Amino acid sequence: MSITFWCPDAPTRTLPCRACVLLEKRGTECNRCETISEGPSANFSNENGEALLKALGLSLRPGGVIYPKDIPQLLQRLLVLLNSEDNRKHLMRAPISRPARISSPYGCEYLGMGTGDTQVVRRLKEIREILIYASENAHTVHWH
């Protein structure tokens, strides 16, 4: 499972599926063609997404919305997180390894690679990009 942040109001474009490309269908869409957003988006694991929602003071309920009027306040919170390692330490996790819950002759383990400061900063910048885009274009930001 994961948590995705995106701007559903952003313009979209259609990527033709392989069949439409091979048949040289131009200007038509079939049910396999993919519509994608022109706006930025970011996908987080549930654990990282929930930590980010908490850090920004947002609801942990699935399916939230950030309205354009709330974006400046969130950008300020992001700026504090980006400029101070102490303020983002709670977003970092050490790597873990533990036996899997299922028995296996292969000795399966659960591996969590952890989240270091470099990754946290990169992901915070992705969220900042989405918020700036939404603010400049008067779009809402949704997550689910």
N, C-alpha and C. Protein backbone atom coordinates (compact mmCIF):
# COMPACT_ATOMS: atom_id res chain seq x y z
N MET A 1 0.85 -1.17 0.00
CA MET A 1 0.00 0.00 0.00
C MET A 1 0.90 1.23 0.00
N SER A 2 0.29 2.34 -0.41
CA SER A 2 1.08 3.57 -0.48
C SER A 2 0.16 4.77 -0.38
N ILE A 3 0.78 5.92 -0.20
CA ILE A 3 0.06 7.19 -0.15
C ILE A 3 0.60 8.05 -1.29
N THR A 4 -0.31 8.52 -2.14
CA THR A 4 0.07 9.33 -3.30
C THR A 4 -0.47 10.74 -3.15
N PHE A 5 0.36 11.72 -3.43
CA PHE A 5 -0.02 13.13 -3.44
C PHE A 5 -0.05 13.59 -4.89
N TRP A 6 -1.12 14.27 -5.29
CA TRP A 6 -1.23 14.75 -6.67
C TRP A 6 -2.27 15.85 -6.76
N CYS A 7 -2.30 16.52 -7.92
CA CYS A 7 -3.25 17.60 -8.20
C CYS A 7 -4.24 17.11 -9.25
N PRO A 8 -5.43 16.67 -8.85
CA PRO A 8 -6.38 16.13 -9.83
C PRO A 8 -6.92 17.18 -10.80
N ASP A 9 -6.80 18.47 -10.44
CA ASP A 9 -7.28 19.54 -11.32
C ASP A 9 -6.29 19.88 -12.42
N ALA A 10 -5.09 19.32 -12.35
CA ALA A 10 -4.05 19.64 -13.34
C ALA A 10 -4.46 19.12 -14.71
N PRO A 11 -3.97 19.77 -15.76
CA PRO A 11 -4.27 19.29 -17.12
C PRO A 11 -3.75 17.85 -17.29
N THR A 12 -4.39 17.12 -18.19
CA THR A 12 -3.97 15.74 -18.44
C THR A 12 -3.66 15.56 -19.93
N ARG A 13 -3.00 14.47 -20.22
CA ARG A 13 -2.77 14.09 -21.61
C ARG A 13 -2.89 12.57 -21.69
N THR A 14 -3.18 12.10 -22.87
CA THR A 14 -3.39 10.66 -23.06
C THR A 14 -2.16 10.04 -23.72
N LEU A 15 -1.70 8.96 -23.11
CA LEU A 15 -0.61 8.18 -23.71
C LEU A 15 -1.25 7.02 -24.45
N PRO A 16 -1.04 6.92 -25.75
CA PRO A 16 -1.67 5.82 -26.49
C PRO A 16 -1.08 4.48 -26.06
N CYS A 17 -1.92 3.47 -26.03
CA CYS A 17 -1.45 2.12 -25.71
C CYS A 17 -0.69 1.56 -26.92
N ARG A 18 -0.07 0.43 -26.71
CA ARG A 18 0.73 -0.18 -27.78
C ARG A 18 -0.14 -0.50 -29.02
N ALA A 19 -1.35 -0.98 -28.78
CA ALA A 19 -2.23 -1.32 -29.91
C ALA A 19 -2.54 -0.09 -30.74
N CYS A 20 -2.85 1.01 -30.08
CA CYS A 20 -3.16 2.25 -30.82
C CYS A 20 -1.95 2.75 -31.59
N VAL A 21 -0.77 2.59 -31.01
CA VAL A 21 0.45 3.01 -31.70
C VAL A 21 0.67 2.13 -32.93
N LEU A 22 0.52 0.82 -32.77
CA LEU A 22 0.73 -0.09 -33.90
C LEU A 22 -0.31 0.11 -35.00
N LEU A 23 -1.55 0.41 -34.61
CA LEU A 23 -2.60 0.61 -35.60
C LEU A 23 -2.66 2.05 -36.11
N GLU A 24 -1.74 2.86 -35.58
CA GLU A 24 -1.63 4.27 -35.95
C GLU A 24 -2.95 5.01 -35.80
N LYS A 25 -3.62 4.73 -34.69
CA LYS A 25 -4.85 5.47 -34.37
C LYS A 25 -4.42 6.81 -33.77
N ARG A 26 -4.75 7.85 -34.42
CA ARG A 26 -4.40 9.17 -33.92
C ARG A 26 -5.67 9.92 -33.55
N GLY A 27 -5.66 10.53 -32.36
CA GLY A 27 -6.79 11.33 -31.94
C GLY A 27 -7.94 10.51 -31.38
N THR A 28 -7.77 9.20 -31.26
CA THR A 28 -8.82 8.38 -30.65
C THR A 28 -8.23 7.68 -29.44
N GLU A 29 -9.08 7.29 -28.55
CA GLU A 29 -8.64 6.60 -27.34
C GLU A 29 -9.40 5.30 -27.21
N CYS A 30 -8.71 4.27 -26.80
CA CYS A 30 -9.38 3.02 -26.49
C CYS A 30 -9.37 2.86 -24.97
N ASN A 31 -9.90 1.78 -24.48
CA ASN A 31 -9.97 1.61 -23.03
C ASN A 31 -8.64 1.21 -22.42
N ARG A 32 -7.60 1.01 -23.22
CA ARG A 32 -6.29 0.67 -22.69
C ARG A 32 -5.32 1.87 -22.69
N CYS A 33 -5.69 2.94 -23.37
CA CYS A 33 -4.86 4.14 -23.37
C CYS A 33 -4.85 4.73 -21.97
N GLU A 34 -3.74 5.32 -21.58
CA GLU A 34 -3.59 5.83 -20.22
C GLU A 34 -3.64 7.36 -20.20
N THR A 35 -4.45 7.91 -19.32
CA THR A 35 -4.50 9.35 -19.13
C THR A 35 -3.64 9.69 -17.93
N ILE A 36 -2.68 10.58 -18.14
CA ILE A 36 -1.77 10.96 -17.06
C ILE A 36 -1.87 12.46 -16.81
N SER A 37 -1.52 12.85 -15.60
CA SER A 37 -1.56 14.25 -15.21
C SER A 37 -0.29 14.95 -15.66
N GLU A 38 -0.44 16.19 -16.05
CA GLU A 38 0.72 17.02 -16.39
C GLU A 38 1.38 17.58 -15.13
N GLY A 39 0.65 17.55 -14.02
CA GLY A 39 1.16 18.07 -12.76
C GLY A 39 2.05 17.07 -12.05
N PRO A 40 2.86 17.53 -11.11
CA PRO A 40 3.74 16.63 -10.37
C PRO A 40 2.94 15.77 -9.40
N SER A 41 3.51 14.63 -9.04
CA SER A 41 2.91 13.76 -8.04
C SER A 41 4.04 13.05 -7.30
N ALA A 42 3.72 12.49 -6.15
CA ALA A 42 4.70 11.74 -5.36
C ALA A 42 3.99 10.60 -4.66
N ASN A 43 4.64 9.47 -4.66
CA ASN A 43 4.09 8.27 -4.05
C ASN A 43 5.01 7.84 -2.90
N PHE A 44 4.44 7.62 -1.72
CA PHE A 44 5.19 7.25 -0.53
C PHE A 44 4.67 5.93 0.01
N SER A 45 5.54 5.17 0.66
CA SER A 45 5.05 4.00 1.39
C SER A 45 4.11 4.50 2.48
N ASN A 46 3.26 3.63 2.98
CA ASN A 46 2.33 4.05 4.04
C ASN A 46 3.07 4.65 5.23
N GLU A 47 4.14 4.01 5.64
CA GLU A 47 4.89 4.47 6.81
C GLU A 47 5.49 5.85 6.57
N ASN A 48 6.13 6.05 5.42
CA ASN A 48 6.73 7.35 5.12
C ASN A 48 5.65 8.41 4.88
N GLY A 49 4.58 8.03 4.21
CA GLY A 49 3.48 8.97 3.95
C GLY A 49 2.82 9.44 5.23
N GLU A 50 2.60 8.52 6.17
CA GLU A 50 1.99 8.91 7.44
C GLU A 50 2.92 9.81 8.24
N ALA A 51 4.23 9.52 8.22
CA ALA A 51 5.19 10.38 8.91
C ALA A 51 5.18 11.79 8.32
N LEU A 52 5.09 11.88 7.00
CA LEU A 52 5.04 13.18 6.34
C LEU A 52 3.76 13.93 6.69
N LEU A 53 2.62 13.24 6.66
CA LEU A 53 1.35 13.87 7.03
C LEU A 53 1.41 14.43 8.45
N LYS A 54 1.99 13.65 9.36
CA LYS A 54 2.12 14.12 10.76
C LYS A 54 3.02 15.35 10.83
N ALA A 55 4.15 15.30 10.12
CA ALA A 55 5.11 16.41 10.15
C ALA A 55 4.50 17.70 9.61
N LEU A 56 3.58 17.57 8.66
CA LEU A 56 2.93 18.75 8.08
C LEU A 56 1.67 19.15 8.84
N GLY A 57 1.29 18.35 9.84
CA GLY A 57 0.10 18.66 10.62
C GLY A 57 -1.19 18.35 9.88
N LEU A 58 -1.14 17.38 8.97
CA LEU A 58 -2.32 17.02 8.18
C LEU A 58 -2.99 15.77 8.75
N SER A 59 -4.23 15.56 8.37
CA SER A 59 -5.01 14.43 8.84
C SER A 59 -4.42 13.12 8.33
N LEU A 60 -4.42 12.11 9.17
CA LEU A 60 -3.93 10.79 8.78
C LEU A 60 -5.00 9.96 8.09
N ARG A 61 -6.21 10.49 8.03
CA ARG A 61 -7.29 9.77 7.34
C ARG A 61 -6.95 9.67 5.86
N PRO A 62 -7.26 8.54 5.25
CA PRO A 62 -7.02 8.44 3.80
C PRO A 62 -7.97 9.37 3.04
N GLY A 63 -7.50 9.87 1.94
CA GLY A 63 -8.34 10.70 1.09
C GLY A 63 -8.44 12.14 1.52
N GLY A 64 -7.34 12.77 1.88
CA GLY A 64 -7.37 14.16 2.30
C GLY A 64 -7.19 15.14 1.15
N VAL A 65 -7.50 16.40 1.44
CA VAL A 65 -7.39 17.47 0.45
C VAL A 65 -6.68 18.67 1.08
N ILE A 66 -5.78 19.29 0.33
CA ILE A 66 -5.14 20.54 0.72
C ILE A 66 -5.66 21.61 -0.24
N TYR A 67 -6.28 22.63 0.31
CA TYR A 67 -6.85 23.70 -0.52
C TYR A 67 -5.79 24.78 -0.75
N PRO A 68 -5.88 25.51 -1.86
CA PRO A 68 -4.88 26.52 -2.19
C PRO A 68 -4.63 27.53 -1.06
N LYS A 69 -5.66 27.88 -0.30
CA LYS A 69 -5.49 28.86 0.79
C LYS A 69 -4.60 28.31 1.91
N ASP A 70 -4.48 26.98 2.04
CA ASP A 70 -3.68 26.36 3.10
C ASP A 70 -2.23 26.09 2.68
N ILE A 71 -1.93 26.24 1.42
CA ILE A 71 -0.60 25.89 0.91
C ILE A 71 0.52 26.75 1.49
N PRO A 72 0.36 28.09 1.63
CA PRO A 72 1.47 28.88 2.18
C PRO A 72 1.91 28.41 3.57
N GLN A 73 0.97 28.05 4.41
CA GLN A 73 1.30 27.56 5.76
C GLN A 73 2.08 26.24 5.67
N LEU A 74 1.68 25.35 4.77
CA LEU A 74 2.39 24.08 4.61
C LEU A 74 3.78 24.29 4.04
N LEU A 75 3.92 25.25 3.13
CA LEU A 75 5.25 25.56 2.59
C LEU A 75 6.17 26.08 3.67
N GLN A 76 5.63 26.85 4.63
CA GLN A 76 6.44 27.32 5.75
C GLN A 76 6.91 26.14 6.61
N ARG A 77 6.02 25.19 6.89
CA ARG A 77 6.40 24.01 7.66
C ARG A 77 7.46 23.20 6.93
N LEU A 78 7.30 23.08 5.60
CA LEU A 78 8.30 22.36 4.81
C LEU A 78 9.65 23.06 4.86
N LEU A 79 9.64 24.37 4.80
CA LEU A 79 10.89 25.13 4.85
C LEU A 79 11.62 24.88 6.17
N VAL A 80 10.89 24.83 7.26
CA VAL A 80 11.50 24.54 8.57
C VAL A 80 12.12 23.14 8.55
N LEU A 81 11.39 22.16 8.00
CA LEU A 81 11.91 20.79 7.93
C LEU A 81 13.14 20.71 7.03
N LEU A 82 13.10 21.40 5.90
CA LEU A 82 14.23 21.34 4.96
C LEU A 82 15.48 22.02 5.51
N ASN A 83 15.31 23.03 6.34
CA ASN A 83 16.45 23.81 6.81
C ASN A 83 17.03 23.34 8.14
N SER A 84 16.46 22.32 8.74
CA SER A 84 16.95 21.88 10.04
C SER A 84 16.90 20.36 10.16
N GLU A 85 18.08 19.75 10.22
CA GLU A 85 18.13 18.29 10.36
C GLU A 85 17.48 17.84 11.65
N ASP A 86 17.62 18.64 12.71
CA ASP A 86 16.99 18.27 13.99
C ASP A 86 15.47 18.17 13.86
N ASN A 87 14.87 19.04 13.06
CA ASN A 87 13.41 19.02 12.90
C ASN A 87 12.91 17.87 12.04
N ARG A 88 13.79 17.24 11.27
CA ARG A 88 13.35 16.14 10.42
C ARG A 88 13.88 14.78 10.88
N LYS A 89 14.54 14.73 12.03
CA LYS A 89 15.06 13.46 12.53
C LYS A 89 13.96 12.43 12.72
N HIS A 90 12.79 12.88 13.12
CA HIS A 90 11.69 11.94 13.35
C HIS A 90 11.19 11.30 12.05
N LEU A 91 11.59 11.84 10.90
CA LEU A 91 11.21 11.26 9.62
C LEU A 91 12.19 10.18 9.16
N MET A 92 13.34 10.07 9.84
CA MET A 92 14.36 9.09 9.45
C MET A 92 14.14 7.79 10.22
N ARG A 93 14.51 6.67 9.56
CA ARG A 93 14.40 5.37 10.19
C ARG A 93 15.66 4.57 9.91
N ALA A 94 16.08 3.79 10.90
CA ALA A 94 17.24 2.92 10.72
C ALA A 94 16.83 1.67 9.94
N PRO A 95 17.76 1.07 9.21
CA PRO A 95 17.43 -0.18 8.51
C PRO A 95 17.08 -1.28 9.52
N ILE A 96 16.19 -2.17 9.13
CA ILE A 96 15.81 -3.28 10.01
C ILE A 96 15.80 -4.58 9.21
N SER A 97 15.97 -5.66 9.93
CA SER A 97 15.88 -7.00 9.36
C SER A 97 15.27 -7.89 10.42
N ARG A 98 14.22 -8.61 10.08
CA ARG A 98 13.61 -9.52 11.04
C ARG A 98 13.02 -10.70 10.27
N PRO A 99 12.87 -11.82 10.95
CA PRO A 99 12.29 -12.99 10.26
C PRO A 99 10.89 -12.68 9.75
N ALA A 100 10.56 -13.25 8.62
CA ALA A 100 9.23 -13.08 8.05
C ALA A 100 8.20 -13.79 8.92
N ARG A 101 6.95 -13.40 8.81
CA ARG A 101 5.89 -14.01 9.61
C ARG A 101 5.50 -15.39 9.10
N ILE A 102 5.87 -15.71 7.89
CA ILE A 102 5.53 -17.03 7.35
C ILE A 102 6.76 -17.92 7.41
N SER A 103 6.55 -19.20 7.63
CA SER A 103 7.69 -20.11 7.67
C SER A 103 8.08 -20.48 6.24
N SER A 104 9.35 -20.58 6.02
CA SER A 104 9.84 -20.86 4.67
C SER A 104 11.15 -21.64 4.77
N PRO A 105 11.33 -22.64 3.92
CA PRO A 105 12.61 -23.36 3.94
C PRO A 105 13.77 -22.49 3.46
N TYR A 106 13.44 -21.32 2.88
CA TYR A 106 14.48 -20.45 2.35
C TYR A 106 14.93 -19.38 3.34
N GLY A 107 14.33 -19.35 4.53
CA GLY A 107 14.73 -18.39 5.55
C GLY A 107 14.42 -16.96 5.17
N CYS A 108 13.22 -16.71 4.69
CA CYS A 108 12.84 -15.36 4.28
C CYS A 108 12.90 -14.39 5.45
N GLU A 109 13.29 -13.18 5.14
CA GLU A 109 13.33 -12.12 6.13
C GLU A 109 12.65 -10.89 5.59
N TYR A 110 12.15 -10.07 6.50
CA TYR A 110 11.63 -8.76 6.13
C TYR A 110 12.79 -7.80 6.21
N LEU A 111 13.05 -7.08 5.14
CA LEU A 111 14.13 -6.10 5.13
C LEU A 111 13.55 -4.71 4.94
N GLY A 112 13.86 -3.83 5.84
CA GLY A 112 13.50 -2.43 5.69
C GLY A 112 14.80 -1.65 5.51
N MET A 113 14.94 -1.00 4.40
CA MET A 113 16.21 -0.34 4.09
C MET A 113 16.44 0.94 4.87
N GLY A 114 15.43 1.38 5.60
CA GLY A 114 15.58 2.60 6.37
C GLY A 114 15.38 3.83 5.50
N THR A 115 15.40 4.97 6.14
CA THR A 115 15.23 6.24 5.45
C THR A 115 16.27 7.20 6.02
N GLY A 116 17.24 7.55 5.20
CA GLY A 116 18.30 8.46 5.63
C GLY A 116 17.94 9.91 5.35
N ASP A 117 18.76 10.80 5.85
CA ASP A 117 18.50 12.24 5.71
C ASP A 117 18.45 12.67 4.25
N THR A 118 19.32 12.14 3.41
CA THR A 118 19.34 12.52 2.00
C THR A 118 18.01 12.18 1.33
N GLN A 119 17.48 10.99 1.63
CA GLN A 119 16.20 10.58 1.05
C GLN A 119 15.06 11.45 1.59
N VAL A 120 15.09 11.75 2.88
CA VAL A 120 14.03 12.59 3.48
C VAL A 120 14.02 13.96 2.81
N VAL A 121 15.18 14.57 2.63
CA VAL A 121 15.26 15.89 2.01
C VAL A 121 14.75 15.82 0.57
N ARG A 122 15.14 14.80 -0.18
CA ARG A 122 14.70 14.65 -1.57
C ARG A 122 13.17 14.53 -1.63
N ARG A 123 12.58 13.74 -0.73
CA ARG A 123 11.14 13.55 -0.75
C ARG A 123 10.39 14.80 -0.29
N LEU A 124 10.95 15.54 0.67
CA LEU A 124 10.34 16.80 1.08
C LEU A 124 10.34 17.80 -0.08
N LYS A 125 11.40 17.79 -0.87
CA LYS A 125 11.46 18.68 -2.04
C LYS A 125 10.42 18.29 -3.08
N GLU A 126 10.12 16.99 -3.20
CA GLU A 126 9.07 16.55 -4.12
C GLU A 126 7.71 17.10 -3.68
N ILE A 127 7.44 17.04 -2.38
CA ILE A 127 6.18 17.56 -1.87
C ILE A 127 6.13 19.08 -2.06
N ARG A 128 7.26 19.75 -1.84
CA ARG A 128 7.32 21.20 -2.05
C ARG A 128 7.00 21.54 -3.50
N GLU A 129 7.53 20.77 -4.44
CA GLU A 129 7.25 20.99 -5.86
C GLU A 129 5.76 20.87 -6.16
N ILE A 130 5.11 19.88 -5.58
CA ILE A 130 3.67 19.69 -5.78
C ILE A 130 2.90 20.87 -5.21
N LEU A 131 3.27 21.32 -4.00
CA LEU A 131 2.57 22.43 -3.36
C LEU A 131 2.76 23.74 -4.13
N ILE A 132 3.97 23.98 -4.61
CA ILE A 132 4.23 25.20 -5.38
C ILE A 132 3.44 25.17 -6.69
N TYR A 133 3.45 24.03 -7.37
CA TYR A 133 2.67 23.89 -8.61
C TYR A 133 1.20 24.17 -8.33
N ALA A 134 0.66 23.57 -7.27
CA ALA A 134 -0.75 23.75 -6.94
C ALA A 134 -1.05 25.21 -6.60
N SER A 135 -0.16 25.84 -5.87
CA SER A 135 -0.35 27.24 -5.48
C SER A 135 -0.34 28.15 -6.71
N GLU A 136 0.61 27.94 -7.60
CA GLU A 136 0.72 28.78 -8.80
C GLU A 136 -0.45 28.61 -9.76
N ASN A 137 -1.09 27.44 -9.71
CA ASN A 137 -2.18 27.14 -10.64
C ASN A 137 -3.55 27.06 -9.97
N ALA A 138 -3.62 27.44 -8.70
CA ALA A 138 -4.87 27.42 -7.93
C ALA A 138 -5.53 26.04 -7.95
N HIS A 139 -4.71 24.99 -7.79
CA HIS A 139 -5.23 23.62 -7.74
C HIS A 139 -5.26 23.13 -6.30
N THR A 140 -6.09 22.15 -6.05
CA THR A 140 -6.05 21.45 -4.76
C THR A 140 -5.05 20.30 -4.87
N VAL A 141 -4.53 19.89 -3.72
CA VAL A 141 -3.64 18.73 -3.65
C VAL A 141 -4.40 17.65 -2.88
N HIS A 142 -4.45 16.48 -3.43
CA HIS A 142 -5.15 15.37 -2.79
C HIS A 142 -4.15 14.28 -2.41
N TRP A 143 -4.49 13.49 -1.43
CA TRP A 143 -3.72 12.29 -1.14
C TRP A 143 -4.68 11.16 -0.84
N HIS A 144 -4.25 9.98 -1.15
CA HIS A 144 -5.02 8.77 -0.83
C HIS A 144 -4.07 7.63 -0.62
